Amino acid sequence: MPDPDEPVHVLWIRYTEQRQRQELSFIQRHFAYGLKVHKLDNDKYELHFVSYKKVSLYLMKSPIDNQHHVYATITGRQAILSRVFLKINPGGTFWSPNVEYLELKGIDTDTGKELTQRIKI
């Protein structure tokens, strides 16, 4: 069962620095890359990026492996999310970052094929 206070832990994977993991700063977590979480029931949460609320992600238990995964709609198909990239450009404000695009990658729950979608903001 996910932690109800923080069901998803968001962090950086620094690919240019030997794939080191780094925690988000307070500002990054609350104004850019963090997630807003809404509990729907005991095993399901709706997630939105704090900087872009139009894309819904869902943390829920899989009927196949009985584990929790984050699901997203990618190119109109339901997928288990494997990667998220949120591109923020300079020029935004402290309270409203300049989001260029959101890229989602995941595995189609019906076919097992990898799906990718870049959403221009």
PDB file of N, CA and C in Angstrom:
ATOM      1  N   MET A   1       0.855  -1.177   0.000  1.00  0.00           N
ATOM      2  CA  MET A   1       0.000   0.000   0.000  1.00  0.00           C
ATOM      3  C   MET A   1       0.901   1.240   0.000  1.00  0.00           C
ATOM      4  N   PRO A   2       0.663   2.168  -0.911  1.00  0.00           N
ATOM      5  CA  PRO A   2       1.477   3.394  -0.966  1.00  0.00           C
ATOM      6  C   PRO A   2       1.301   4.254   0.282  1.00  0.00           C
ATOM      7  N   ASP A   3       2.311   5.034   0.575  1.00  0.00           N
ATOM      8  CA  ASP A   3       2.257   6.000   1.671  1.00  0.00           C
ATOM      9  C   ASP A   3       1.245   7.077   1.280  1.00  0.00           C
ATOM     10  N   PRO A   4       0.174   7.278   2.050  1.00  0.00           N
ATOM     11  CA  PRO A   4      -0.847   8.259   1.658  1.00  0.00           C
ATOM     12  C   PRO A   4      -0.335   9.696   1.620  1.00  0.00           C
ATOM     13  N   ASP A   5       0.730  10.005   2.360  1.00  0.00           N
ATOM     14  CA  ASP A   5       1.290  11.356   2.344  1.00  0.00           C
ATOM     15  C   ASP A   5       2.188  11.606   1.133  1.00  0.00           C
ATOM     16  N   GLU A   6       2.827  10.553   0.633  1.00  0.00           N
ATOM     17  CA  GLU A   6       3.685  10.667  -0.543  1.00  0.00           C
ATOM     18  C   GLU A   6       3.654   9.344  -1.309  1.00  0.00           C
ATOM     19  N   PRO A   7       2.565   9.098  -2.063  1.00  0.00           N
ATOM     20  CA  PRO A   7       2.448   7.812  -2.754  1.00  0.00           C
ATOM     21  C   PRO A   7       3.455   7.634  -3.891  1.00  0.00           C
ATOM     22  N   VAL A   8       3.957   8.744  -4.464  1.00  0.00           N
ATOM     23  CA  VAL A   8       4.974   8.700  -5.513  1.00  0.00           C
ATOM     24  C   VAL A   8       6.103   9.634  -5.109  1.00  0.00           C
ATOM     25  N   HIS A   9       7.328   9.135  -5.163  1.00  0.00           N
ATOM     26  CA  HIS A   9       8.497   9.940  -4.805  1.00  0.00           C
ATOM     27  C   HIS A   9       9.183  10.401  -6.091  1.00  0.00           C
ATOM     28  N   VAL A  10       9.143  11.701  -6.360  1.00  0.00           N
ATOM     29  CA  VAL A  10       9.720  12.264  -7.574  1.00  0.00           C
ATOM     30  C   VAL A  10      11.158  12.682  -7.284  1.00  0.00           C
ATOM     31  N   LEU A  11      12.086  12.336  -8.199  1.00  0.00           N
ATOM     32  CA  LEU A  11      13.488  12.732  -8.062  1.00  0.00           C
ATOM     33  C   LEU A  11      14.121  12.840  -9.436  1.00  0.00           C
ATOM     34  N   TRP A  12      15.310  13.426  -9.458  1.00  0.00           N
ATOM     35  CA  TRP A  12      16.093  13.546 -10.692  1.00  0.00           C
ATOM     36  C   TRP A  12      16.899  12.280 -10.897  1.00  0.00           C
ATOM     37  N   ILE A  13      17.075  11.867 -12.153  1.00  0.00           N
ATOM     38  CA  ILE A  13      18.113  10.911 -12.508  1.00  0.00           C
ATOM     39  C   ILE A  13      19.059  11.691 -13.408  1.00  0.00           C
ATOM     40  N   ARG A  14      20.240  11.970 -12.916  1.00  0.00           N
ATOM     41  CA  ARG A  14      21.220  12.800 -13.618  1.00  0.00           C
ATOM     42  C   ARG A  14      22.024  11.937 -14.590  1.00  0.00           C
ATOM     43  N   TYR A  15      21.539  11.839 -15.826  1.00  0.00           N
ATOM     44  CA  TYR A  15      22.191  10.988 -16.817  1.00  0.00           C
ATOM     45  C   TYR A  15      23.591  11.475 -17.166  1.00  0.00           C
ATOM     46  N   THR A  16      23.812  12.777 -17.126  1.00  0.00           N
ATOM     47  CA  THR A  16      25.139  13.317 -17.462  1.00  0.00           C
ATOM     48  C   THR A  16      26.111  13.192 -16.288  1.00  0.00           C
ATOM     49  N   GLU A  17      25.622  12.801 -15.141  1.00  0.00           N
ATOM     50  CA  GLU A  17      26.470  12.646 -13.950  1.00  0.00           C
ATOM     51  C   GLU A  17      26.427  11.201 -13.465  1.00  0.00           C
ATOM     52  N   GLN A  18      26.693  10.271 -14.362  1.00  0.00           N
ATOM     53  CA  GLN A  18      26.745   8.840 -14.063  1.00  0.00           C
ATOM     54  C   GLN A  18      25.448   8.323 -13.450  1.00  0.00           C
ATOM     55  N   ARG A  19      24.317   8.843 -13.939  1.00  0.00           N
ATOM     56  CA  ARG A  19      22.982   8.379 -13.540  1.00  0.00           C
ATOM     57  C   ARG A  19      22.727   8.510 -12.037  1.00  0.00           C
ATOM     58  N   GLN A  20      23.337   9.505 -11.417  1.00  0.00           N
ATOM     59  CA  GLN A  20      23.129   9.729  -9.989  1.00  0.00           C
ATOM     60  C   GLN A  20      21.712  10.218  -9.730  1.00  0.00           C
ATOM     61  N   ARG A  21      21.171   9.812  -8.613  1.00  0.00           N
ATOM     62  CA  ARG A  21      19.843  10.263  -8.199  1.00  0.00           C
ATOM     63  C   ARG A  21      20.003  11.469  -7.282  1.00  0.00           C
ATOM     64  N   GLN A  22      19.101  12.437  -7.465  1.00  0.00           N
ATOM     65  CA  GLN A  22      19.159  13.641  -6.655  1.00  0.00           C
ATOM     66  C   GLN A  22      17.736  14.066  -6.298  1.00  0.00           C
ATOM     67  N   GLU A  23      17.539  14.430  -5.054  1.00  0.00           N
ATOM     68  CA  GLU A  23      16.232  14.890  -4.598  1.00  0.00           C
ATOM     69  C   GLU A  23      15.893  16.235  -5.224  1.00  0.00           C
ATOM     70  N   LEU A  24      14.612  16.515  -5.398  1.00  0.00           N
ATOM     71  CA  LEU A  24      14.167  17.823  -5.863  1.00  0.00           C
ATOM     72  C   LEU A  24      14.301  18.829  -4.718  1.00  0.00           C
ATOM     73  N   SER A  25      14.585  20.063  -5.076  1.00  0.00           N
ATOM     74  CA  SER A  25      14.599  21.116  -4.065  1.00  0.00           C
ATOM     75  C   SER A  25      13.156  21.465  -3.695  1.00  0.00           C
ATOM     76  N   PHE A  26      12.978  22.225  -2.639  1.00  0.00           N
ATOM     77  CA  PHE A  26      11.641  22.651  -2.222  1.00  0.00           C
ATOM     78  C   PHE A  26      10.940  23.386  -3.355  1.00  0.00           C
ATOM     79  N   ILE A  27      11.637  24.308  -4.007  1.00  0.00           N
ATOM     80  CA  ILE A  27      11.047  25.100  -5.099  1.00  0.00           C
ATOM     81  C   ILE A  27      10.691  24.195  -6.278  1.00  0.00           C
ATOM     82  N   GLN A  28      11.581  23.288  -6.663  1.00  0.00           N
ATOM     83  CA  GLN A  28      11.284  22.362  -7.765  1.00  0.00           C
ATOM     84  C   GLN A  28      10.078  21.486  -7.452  1.00  0.00           C
ATOM     85  N   ARG A  29       9.990  21.000  -6.224  1.00  0.00           N
ATOM     86  CA  ARG A  29       8.902  20.111  -5.818  1.00  0.00           C
ATOM     87  C   ARG A  29       7.554  20.821  -5.786  1.00  0.00           C
ATOM     88  N   HIS A  30       7.542  22.091  -5.364  1.00  0.00           N
ATOM     89  CA  HIS A  30       6.276  22.796  -5.184  1.00  0.00           C
ATOM     90  C   HIS A  30       5.862  23.697  -6.343  1.00  0.00           C
ATOM     91  N   PHE A  31       6.800  24.022  -7.263  1.00  0.00           N
ATOM     92  CA  PHE A  31       6.455  24.963  -8.325  1.00  0.00           C
ATOM     93  C   PHE A  31       6.803  24.487  -9.732  1.00  0.00           C
ATOM     94  N   ALA A  32       7.454  23.341  -9.893  1.00  0.00           N
ATOM     95  CA  ALA A  32       7.845  22.927 -11.237  1.00  0.00           C
ATOM     96  C   ALA A  32       7.612  21.437 -11.475  1.00  0.00           C
ATOM     97  N   TYR A  33       8.408  20.589 -10.855  1.00  0.00           N
ATOM     98  CA  TYR A  33       8.436  19.171 -11.198  1.00  0.00           C
ATOM     99  C   TYR A  33       7.667  18.265 -10.245  1.00  0.00           C
ATOM    100  N   GLY A  34       7.189  18.792  -9.147  1.00  0.00           N
ATOM    101  CA  GLY A  34       6.488  17.968  -8.173  1.00  0.00           C
ATOM    102  C   GLY A  34       5.111  17.546  -8.648  1.00  0.00           C
ATOM    103  N   LEU A  35       4.488  16.696  -7.870  1.00  0.00           N
ATOM    104  CA  LEU A  35       3.163  16.183  -8.201  1.00  0.00           C
ATOM    105  C   LEU A  35       2.140  16.621  -7.162  1.00  0.00           C
ATOM    106  N   LYS A  36       0.964  16.932  -7.645  1.00  0.00           N
ATOM    107  CA  LYS A  36      -0.190  17.170  -6.786  1.00  0.00           C
ATOM    108  C   LYS A  36      -0.960  15.848  -6.763  1.00  0.00           C
ATOM    109  N   VAL A  37      -1.298  15.369  -5.581  1.00  0.00           N
ATOM    110  CA  VAL A  37      -1.897  14.040  -5.422  1.00  0.00           C
ATOM    111  C   VAL A  37      -3.310  14.166  -4.872  1.00  0.00           C
ATOM    112  N   HIS A  38      -4.226  13.416  -5.494  1.00  0.00           N
ATOM    113  CA  HIS A  38      -5.607  13.358  -5.017  1.00  0.00           C
ATOM    114  C   HIS A  38      -5.970  11.886  -4.852  1.00  0.00           C
ATOM    115  N   LYS A  39      -6.268  11.478  -3.612  1.00  0.00           N
ATOM    116  CA  LYS A  39      -6.625  10.085  -3.346  1.00  0.00           C
ATOM    117  C   LYS A  39      -8.055   9.838  -3.819  1.00  0.00           C
ATOM    118  N   LEU A  40      -8.236   8.838  -4.695  1.00  0.00           N
ATOM    119  CA  LEU A  40      -9.554   8.496  -5.215  1.00  0.00           C
ATOM    120  C   LEU A  40     -10.200   7.383  -4.401  1.00  0.00           C
ATOM    121  N   ASP A  41      -9.414   6.395  -3.994  1.00  0.00           N
ATOM    122  CA  ASP A  41      -9.855   5.347  -3.072  1.00  0.00           C
ATOM    123  C   ASP A  41      -8.613   4.703  -2.477  1.00  0.00           C
ATOM    124  N   ASN A  42      -8.769   3.575  -1.786  1.00  0.00           N
ATOM    125  CA  ASN A  42      -7.631   2.973  -1.076  1.00  0.00           C
ATOM    126  C   ASN A  42      -6.465   2.602  -1.978  1.00  0.00           C
ATOM    127  N   ASP A  43      -6.741   2.180  -3.185  1.00  0.00           N
ATOM    128  CA  ASP A  43      -5.674   1.729  -4.087  1.00  0.00           C
ATOM    129  C   ASP A  43      -5.522   2.584  -5.334  1.00  0.00           C
ATOM    130  N   LYS A  44      -6.078   3.796  -5.354  1.00  0.00           N
ATOM    131  CA  LYS A  44      -5.999   4.611  -6.561  1.00  0.00           C
ATOM    132  C   LYS A  44      -5.818   6.086  -6.208  1.00  0.00           C
ATOM    133  N   TYR A  45      -4.826   6.703  -6.889  1.00  0.00           N
ATOM    134  CA  TYR A  45      -4.530   8.112  -6.715  1.00  0.00           C
ATOM    135  C   TYR A  45      -4.477   8.779  -8.084  1.00  0.00           C
ATOM    136  N   GLU A  46      -4.975  10.017  -8.171  1.00  0.00           N
ATOM    137  CA  GLU A  46      -4.822  10.822  -9.375  1.00  0.00           C
ATOM    138  C   GLU A  46      -3.658  11.775  -9.139  1.00  0.00           C
ATOM    139  N   LEU A  47      -2.769  11.893 -10.132  1.00  0.00           N
ATOM    140  CA  LEU A  47      -1.562  12.706 -10.022  1.00  0.00           C
ATOM    141  C   LEU A  47      -1.522  13.745 -11.132  1.00  0.00           C
ATOM    142  N   HIS A  48      -1.067  14.959 -10.800  1.00  0.00           N
ATOM    143  CA  HIS A  48      -0.859  16.030 -11.778  1.00  0.00           C
ATOM    144  C   HIS A  48       0.454  16.726 -11.451  1.00  0.00           C
ATOM    145  N   PHE A  49       1.189  17.125 -12.485  1.00  0.00           N
ATOM    146  CA  PHE A  49       2.364  17.960 -12.239  1.00  0.00           C
ATOM    147  C   PHE A  49       1.913  19.322 -11.733  1.00  0.00           C
ATOM    148  N   VAL A  50       2.633  19.879 -10.778  1.00  0.00           N
ATOM    149  CA  VAL A  50       2.249  21.190 -10.253  1.00  0.00           C
ATOM    150  C   VAL A  50       2.373  22.270 -11.323  1.00  0.00           C
ATOM    151  N   SER A  51       3.241  22.073 -12.308  1.00  0.00           N
ATOM    152  CA  SER A  51       3.434  23.078 -13.351  1.00  0.00           C
ATOM    153  C   SER A  51       2.568  22.845 -14.592  1.00  0.00           C
ATOM    154  N   TYR A  52       1.877  21.709 -14.662  1.00  0.00           N
ATOM    155  CA  TYR A  52       1.023  21.424 -15.817  1.00  0.00           C
ATOM    156  C   TYR A  52      -0.069  20.462 -15.390  1.00  0.00           C
ATOM    157  N   LYS A  53      -1.274  20.961 -15.250  1.00  0.00           N
ATOM    158  CA  LYS A  53      -2.360  20.190 -14.654  1.00  0.00           C
ATOM    159  C   LYS A  53      -3.256  19.467 -15.665  1.00  0.00           C
ATOM    160  N   LYS A  54      -3.002  19.623 -16.965  1.00  0.00           N
ATOM    161  CA  LYS A  54      -3.907  19.070 -17.977  1.00  0.00           C
ATOM    162  C   LYS A  54      -3.714  17.577 -18.228  1.00  0.00           C
ATOM    163  N   VAL A  55      -2.601  17.001 -17.795  1.00  0.00           N
ATOM    164  CA  VAL A  55      -2.356  15.573 -17.990  1.00  0.00           C
ATOM    165  C   VAL A  55      -2.550  14.863 -16.651  1.00  0.00           C
ATOM    166  N   SER A  56      -3.432  13.867 -16.660  1.00  0.00           N
ATOM    167  CA  SER A  56      -3.677  13.076 -15.451  1.00  0.00           C
ATOM    168  C   SER A  56      -2.890  11.777 -15.512  1.00  0.00           C
ATOM    169  N   LEU A  57      -2.262  11.456 -14.412  1.00  0.00           N
ATOM    170  CA  LEU A  57      -1.593  10.177 -14.221  1.00  0.00           C
ATOM    171  C   LEU A  57      -2.318   9.481 -13.073  1.00  0.00           C
ATOM    172  N   TYR A  58      -2.282   8.159 -13.050  1.00  0.00           N
ATOM    173  CA  TYR A  58      -2.986   7.421 -12.008  1.00  0.00           C
ATOM    174  C   TYR A  58      -2.075   6.370 -11.402  1.00  0.00           C
ATOM    175  N   LEU A  59      -1.945   6.409 -10.097  1.00  0.00           N
ATOM    176  CA  LEU A  59      -1.245   5.360  -9.371  1.00  0.00           C
ATOM    177  C   LEU A  59      -2.310   4.374  -8.914  1.00  0.00           C
ATOM    178  N   MET A  60      -2.181   3.114  -9.375  1.00  0.00           N
ATOM    179  CA  MET A  60      -3.163   2.106  -8.980  1.00  0.00           C
ATOM    180  C   MET A  60      -2.553   0.715  -9.070  1.00  0.00           C
ATOM    181  N   LYS A  61      -3.214  -0.227  -8.435  1.00  0.00           N
ATOM    182  CA  LYS A  61      -2.737  -1.602  -8.388  1.00  0.00           C
ATOM    183  C   LYS A  61      -3.078  -2.313  -9.694  1.00  0.00           C
ATOM    184  N   SER A  62      -2.101  -3.012 -10.228  1.00  0.00           N
ATOM    185  CA  SER A  62      -2.293  -3.781 -11.459  1.00  0.00           C
ATOM    186  C   SER A  62      -3.013  -5.092 -11.147  1.00  0.00           C
ATOM    187  N   PRO A  63      -4.014  -5.433 -11.956  1.00  0.00           N
ATOM    188  CA  PRO A  63      -4.673  -6.735 -11.764  1.00  0.00           C
ATOM    189  C   PRO A  63      -3.781  -7.900 -12.197  1.00  0.00           C
ATOM    190  N   ILE A  64      -2.726  -7.618 -12.940  1.00  0.00           N
ATOM    191  CA  ILE A  64      -1.856  -8.680 -13.454  1.00  0.00           C
ATOM    192  C   ILE A  64      -0.815  -9.115 -12.426  1.00  0.00           C
ATOM    193  N   ASP A  65      -0.072  -8.143 -11.845  1.00  0.00           N
ATOM    194  CA  ASP A  65       0.986  -8.516 -10.900  1.00  0.00           C
ATOM    195  C   ASP A  65       0.700  -8.076  -9.465  1.00  0.00           C
ATOM    196  N   ASN A  66      -0.467  -7.461  -9.240  1.00  0.00           N
ATOM    197  CA  ASN A  66      -0.889  -7.028  -7.908  1.00  0.00           C
ATOM    198  C   ASN A  66       0.058  -5.992  -7.283  1.00  0.00           C
ATOM    199  N   GLN A  67       0.849  -5.301  -8.114  1.00  0.00           N
ATOM    200  CA  GLN A  67       1.765  -4.241  -7.684  1.00  0.00           C
ATOM    201  C   GLN A  67       1.201  -2.893  -8.121  1.00  0.00           C
ATOM    202  N   HIS A  68       1.614  -1.834  -7.431  1.00  0.00           N
ATOM    203  CA  HIS A  68       1.199  -0.487  -7.835  1.00  0.00           C
ATOM    204  C   HIS A  68       2.099   0.024  -8.958  1.00  0.00           C
ATOM    205  N   HIS A  69       1.465   0.661  -9.958  1.00  0.00           N
ATOM    206  CA  HIS A  69       2.171   1.282 -11.081  1.00  0.00           C
ATOM    207  C   HIS A  69       1.504   2.614 -11.364  1.00  0.00           C
ATOM    208  N   VAL A  70       2.231   3.496 -12.048  1.00  0.00           N
ATOM    209  CA  VAL A  70       1.632   4.744 -12.515  1.00  0.00           C
ATOM    210  C   VAL A  70       1.195   4.518 -13.956  1.00  0.00           C
ATOM    211  N   TYR A  71      -0.076   4.834 -14.230  1.00  0.00           N
ATOM    212  CA  TYR A  71      -0.669   4.666 -15.554  1.00  0.00           C
ATOM    213  C   TYR A  71      -0.896   6.036 -16.181  1.00  0.00           C
ATOM    214  N   ALA A  72      -0.789   6.068 -17.495  1.00  0.00           N
ATOM    215  CA  ALA A  72      -1.054   7.296 -18.248  1.00  0.00           C
ATOM    216  C   ALA A  72      -1.693   6.907 -19.573  1.00  0.00           C
ATOM    217  N   THR A  73      -2.391   7.856 -20.169  1.00  0.00           N
ATOM    218  CA  THR A  73      -2.890   7.663 -21.526  1.00  0.00           C
ATOM    219  C   THR A  73      -1.831   8.236 -22.461  1.00  0.00           C
ATOM    220  N   ILE A  74      -1.254   7.371 -23.282  1.00  0.00           N
ATOM    221  CA  ILE A  74      -0.195   7.758 -24.225  1.00  0.00           C
ATOM    222  C   ILE A  74      -0.687   7.406 -25.619  1.00  0.00           C
ATOM    223  N   THR A  75      -0.757   8.375 -26.489  1.00  0.00           N
ATOM    224  CA  THR A  75      -1.292   8.228 -27.850  1.00  0.00           C
ATOM    225  C   THR A  75      -2.647   7.526 -27.841  1.00  0.00           C
ATOM    226  N   GLY A  76      -3.471   7.866 -26.860  1.00  0.00           N
ATOM    227  CA  GLY A  76      -4.814   7.320 -26.772  1.00  0.00           C
ATOM    228  C   GLY A  76      -4.913   5.920 -26.194  1.00  0.00           C
ATOM    229  N   ARG A  77      -3.798   5.362 -25.722  1.00  0.00           N
ATOM    230  CA  ARG A  77      -3.770   3.997 -25.189  1.00  0.00           C
ATOM    231  C   ARG A  77      -3.372   4.031 -23.714  1.00  0.00           C
ATOM    232  N   GLN A  78      -3.911   3.107 -22.921  1.00  0.00           N
ATOM    233  CA  GLN A  78      -3.512   3.016 -21.523  1.00  0.00           C
ATOM    234  C   GLN A  78      -2.153   2.342 -21.441  1.00  0.00           C
ATOM    235  N   ALA A  79      -1.246   2.954 -20.665  1.00  0.00           N
ATOM    236  CA  ALA A  79       0.111   2.432 -20.547  1.00  0.00           C
ATOM    237  C   ALA A  79       0.599   2.539 -19.113  1.00  0.00           C
ATOM    238  N   ILE A  80       1.478   1.603 -18.753  1.00  0.00           N
ATOM    239  CA  ILE A  80       2.199   1.713 -17.487  1.00  0.00           C
ATOM    240  C   ILE A  80       3.382   2.618 -17.756  1.00  0.00           C
ATOM    241  N   LEU A  81       3.434   3.706 -17.037  1.00  0.00           N
ATOM    242  CA  LEU A  81       4.443   4.734 -17.255  1.00  0.00           C
ATOM    243  C   LEU A  81       5.826   4.239 -16.852  1.00  0.00           C
ATOM    244  N   SER A  82       6.814   4.464 -17.711  1.00  0.00           N
ATOM    245  CA  SER A  82       8.190   4.080 -17.392  1.00  0.00           C
ATOM    246  C   SER A  82       9.105   5.289 -17.294  1.00  0.00           C
ATOM    247  N   ARG A  83       8.731   6.407 -17.943  1.00  0.00           N
ATOM    248  CA  ARG A  83       9.597   7.590 -17.936  1.00  0.00           C
ATOM    249  C   ARG A  83       8.765   8.827 -18.196  1.00  0.00           C
ATOM    250  N   VAL A  84       9.130   9.899 -17.512  1.00  0.00           N
ATOM    251  CA  VAL A  84       8.512  11.204 -17.723  1.00  0.00           C
ATOM    252  C   VAL A  84       9.634  12.216 -17.854  1.00  0.00           C
ATOM    253  N   PHE A  85       9.521  13.069 -18.858  1.00  0.00           N
ATOM    254  CA  PHE A  85      10.476  14.159 -19.016  1.00  0.00           C
ATOM    255  C   PHE A  85       9.679  15.440 -19.163  1.00  0.00           C
ATOM    256  N   LEU A  86       9.945  16.394 -18.310  1.00  0.00           N
ATOM    257  CA  LEU A  86       9.261  17.680 -18.332  1.00  0.00           C
ATOM    258  C   LEU A  86      10.295  18.738 -18.662  1.00  0.00           C
ATOM    259  N   LYS A  87      10.167  19.398 -19.814  1.00  0.00           N
ATOM    260  CA  LYS A  87      11.131  20.398 -20.280  1.00  0.00           C
ATOM    261  C   LYS A  87      10.643  21.791 -19.893  1.00  0.00           C
ATOM    262  N   ILE A  88      11.412  22.458 -19.063  1.00  0.00           N
ATOM    263  CA  ILE A  88      11.091  23.822 -18.641  1.00  0.00           C
ATOM    264  C   ILE A  88      12.188  24.732 -19.149  1.00  0.00           C
ATOM    265  N   ASN A  89      11.796  25.776 -19.877  1.00  0.00           N
ATOM    266  CA  ASN A  89      12.732  26.743 -20.450  1.00  0.00           C
ATOM    267  C   ASN A  89      12.861  27.968 -19.557  1.00  0.00           C
ATOM    268  N   PRO A  90      13.958  28.699 -19.712  1.00  0.00           N
ATOM    269  CA  PRO A  90      14.075  29.988 -19.030  1.00  0.00           C
ATOM    270  C   PRO A  90      12.990  30.939 -19.540  1.00  0.00           C
ATOM    271  N   GLY A  91      12.684  31.933 -18.783  1.00  0.00           N
ATOM    272  CA  GLY A  91      11.723  32.929 -19.229  1.00  0.00           C
ATOM    273  C   GLY A  91      10.426  32.905 -18.465  1.00  0.00           C
ATOM    274  N   GLY A  92      10.171  31.837 -17.733  1.00  0.00           N
ATOM    275  CA  GLY A  92       8.973  31.799 -16.901  1.00  0.00           C
ATOM    276  C   GLY A  92       9.217  32.605 -15.632  1.00  0.00           C
ATOM    277  N   THR A  93       8.243  32.573 -14.766  1.00  0.00           N
ATOM    278  CA  THR A  93       8.395  33.267 -13.497  1.00  0.00           C
ATOM    279  C   THR A  93       8.606  32.247 -12.389  1.00  0.00           C
ATOM    280  N   PHE A  94       8.947  32.728 -11.227  1.00  0.00           N
ATOM    281  CA  PHE A  94       9.131  31.872 -10.061  1.00  0.00           C
ATOM    282  C   PHE A  94       7.875  31.051  -9.795  1.00  0.00           C
ATOM    283  N   TRP A  95       6.705  31.667  -9.927  1.00  0.00           N
ATOM    284  CA  TRP A  95       5.446  31.013  -9.614  1.00  0.00           C
ATOM    285  C   TRP A  95       4.852  30.276 -10.807  1.00  0.00           C
ATOM    286  N   SER A  96       5.307  30.572 -12.016  1.00  0.00           N
ATOM    287  CA  SER A  96       4.746  29.947 -13.213  1.00  0.00           C
ATOM    288  C   SER A  96       5.865  29.620 -14.201  1.00  0.00           C
ATOM    289  N   PRO A  97       6.468  28.425 -14.086  1.00  0.00           N
ATOM    290  CA  PRO A  97       7.570  28.065 -14.978  1.00  0.00           C
ATOM    291  C   PRO A  97       7.120  27.975 -16.439  1.00  0.00           C
ATOM    292  N   ASN A  98       8.051  28.194 -17.343  1.00  0.00           N
ATOM    293  CA  ASN A  98       7.804  28.157 -18.776  1.00  0.00           C
ATOM    294  C   ASN A  98       7.983  26.710 -19.267  1.00  0.00           C
ATOM    295  N   VAL A  99       6.908  25.916 -19.227  1.00  0.00           N
ATOM    296  CA  VAL A  99       6.959  24.513 -19.628  1.00  0.00           C
ATOM    297  C   VAL A  99       6.864  24.444 -21.151  1.00  0.00           C
ATOM    298  N   GLU A 100       7.873  23.836 -21.804  1.00  0.00           N
ATOM    299  CA  GLU A 100       7.869  23.681 -23.267  1.00  0.00           C
ATOM    300  C   GLU A 100       7.114  22.425 -23.687  1.00  0.00           C
ATOM    301  N   TYR A 101       7.452  21.281 -23.060  1.00  0.00           N
ATOM    302  CA  TYR A 101       6.750  20.048 -23.387  1.00  0.00           C
ATOM    303  C   TYR A 101       6.877  19.038 -22.250  1.00  0.00           C
ATOM    304  N   LEU A 102       5.991  18.065 -22.310  1.00  0.00           N
ATOM    305  CA  LEU A 102       5.973  16.936 -21.397  1.00  0.00           C
ATOM    306  C   LEU A 102       6.083  15.695 -22.270  1.00  0.00           C
ATOM    307  N   GLU A 103       7.044  14.830 -21.982  1.00  0.00           N
ATOM    308  CA  GLU A 103       7.198  13.599 -22.755  1.00  0.00           C
ATOM    309  C   GLU A 103       6.918  12.407 -21.851  1.00  0.00           C
ATOM    310  N   LEU A 104       6.031  11.537 -22.304  1.00  0.00           N
ATOM    311  CA  LEU A 104       5.659  10.340 -21.565  1.00  0.00           C
ATOM    312  C   LEU A 104       6.104   9.108 -22.329  1.00  0.00           C
ATOM    313  N   LYS A 105       6.672   8.133 -21.627  1.00  0.00           N
ATOM    314  CA  LYS A 105       7.009   6.833 -22.210  1.00  0.00           C
ATOM    315  C   LYS A 105       6.424   5.766 -21.315  1.00  0.00           C
ATOM    316  N   GLY A 106       5.901   4.728 -21.941  1.00  0.00           N
ATOM    317  CA  GLY A 106       5.337   3.645 -21.164  1.00  0.00           C
ATOM    318  C   GLY A 106       5.078   2.417 -22.012  1.00  0.00           C
ATOM    319  N   ILE A 107       4.565   1.391 -21.356  1.00  0.00           N
ATOM    320  CA  ILE A 107       4.283   0.118 -22.009  1.00  0.00           C
ATOM    321  C   ILE A 107       2.772  -0.053 -22.113  1.00  0.00           C
ATOM    322  N   ASP A 108       2.281  -0.243 -23.344  1.00  0.00           N
ATOM    323  CA  ASP A 108       0.857  -0.458 -23.610  1.00  0.00           C
ATOM    324  C   ASP A 108       0.380  -1.669 -22.807  1.00  0.00           C
ATOM    325  N   THR A 109      -0.678  -1.481 -22.019  1.00  0.00           N
ATOM    326  CA  THR A 109      -1.164  -2.570 -21.160  1.00  0.00           C
ATOM    327  C   THR A 109      -1.801  -3.714 -21.955  1.00  0.00           C
ATOM    328  N   ASP A 110      -2.220  -3.459 -23.188  1.00  0.00           N
ATOM    329  CA  ASP A 110      -2.827  -4.518 -24.013  1.00  0.00           C
ATOM    330  C   ASP A 110      -1.807  -5.253 -24.873  1.00  0.00           C
ATOM    331  N   THR A 111      -0.881  -4.504 -25.490  1.00  0.00           N
ATOM    332  CA  THR A 111       0.026  -5.111 -26.474  1.00  0.00           C
ATOM    333  C   THR A 111       1.443  -5.340 -25.960  1.00  0.00           C
ATOM    334  N   GLY A 112       1.854  -4.637 -24.885  1.00  0.00           N
ATOM    335  CA  GLY A 112       3.219  -4.751 -24.383  1.00  0.00           C
ATOM    336  C   GLY A 112       4.223  -3.918 -25.160  1.00  0.00           C
ATOM    337  N   LYS A 113       3.759  -3.171 -26.156  1.00  0.00           N
ATOM    338  CA  LYS A 113       4.655  -2.334 -26.962  1.00  0.00           C
ATOM    339  C   LYS A 113       4.952  -1.024 -26.240  1.00  0.00           C
ATOM    340  N   GLU A 114       6.158  -0.483 -26.504  1.00  0.00           N
ATOM    341  CA  GLU A 114       6.526   0.803 -25.919  1.00  0.00           C
ATOM    342  C   GLU A 114       5.814   1.930 -26.662  1.00  0.00           C
ATOM    343  N   LEU A 115       5.285   2.877 -25.906  1.00  0.00           N
ATOM    344  CA  LEU A 115       4.613   4.048 -26.462  1.00  0.00           C
ATOM    345  C   LEU A 115       5.333   5.300 -25.990  1.00  0.00           C
ATOM    346  N   THR A 116       5.381   6.317 -26.848  1.00  0.00           N
ATOM    347  CA  THR A 116       5.971   7.610 -26.500  1.00  0.00           C
ATOM    348  C   THR A 116       5.079   8.701 -27.041  1.00  0.00           C
ATOM    349  N   GLN A 117       4.909   9.733 -26.240  1.00  0.00           N
ATOM    350  CA  GLN A 117       4.147  10.904 -26.690  1.00  0.00           C
ATOM    351  C   GLN A 117       4.771  12.153 -26.093  1.00  0.00           C
ATOM    352  N   ARG A 118       4.995  13.143 -26.951  1.00  0.00           N
ATOM    353  CA  ARG A 118       5.480  14.453 -26.519  1.00  0.00           C
ATOM    354  C   ARG A 118       4.316  15.418 -26.641  1.00  0.00           C
ATOM    355  N   ILE A 119       3.987  16.062 -25.534  1.00  0.00           N
ATOM    356  CA  ILE A 119       2.865  16.995 -25.488  1.00  0.00           C
ATOM    357  C   ILE A 119       3.428  18.399 -25.399  1.00  0.00           C
ATOM    358  N   LYS A 120       3.270  19.183 -26.468  1.00  0.00           N
ATOM    359  CA  LYS A 120       3.722  20.578 -26.466  1.00  0.00           C
ATOM    360  C   LYS A 120       2.790  21.400 -25.600  1.00  0.00           C
ATOM    361  N   ILE A 121       3.361  22.244 -24.803  1.00  0.00           N
ATOM    362  CA  ILE A 121       2.584  23.063 -23.887  1.00  0.00           C
ATOM    363  C   ILE A 121       2.428  24.461 -24.448  1.00  0.00           C
TER     364      ILE A 121
END
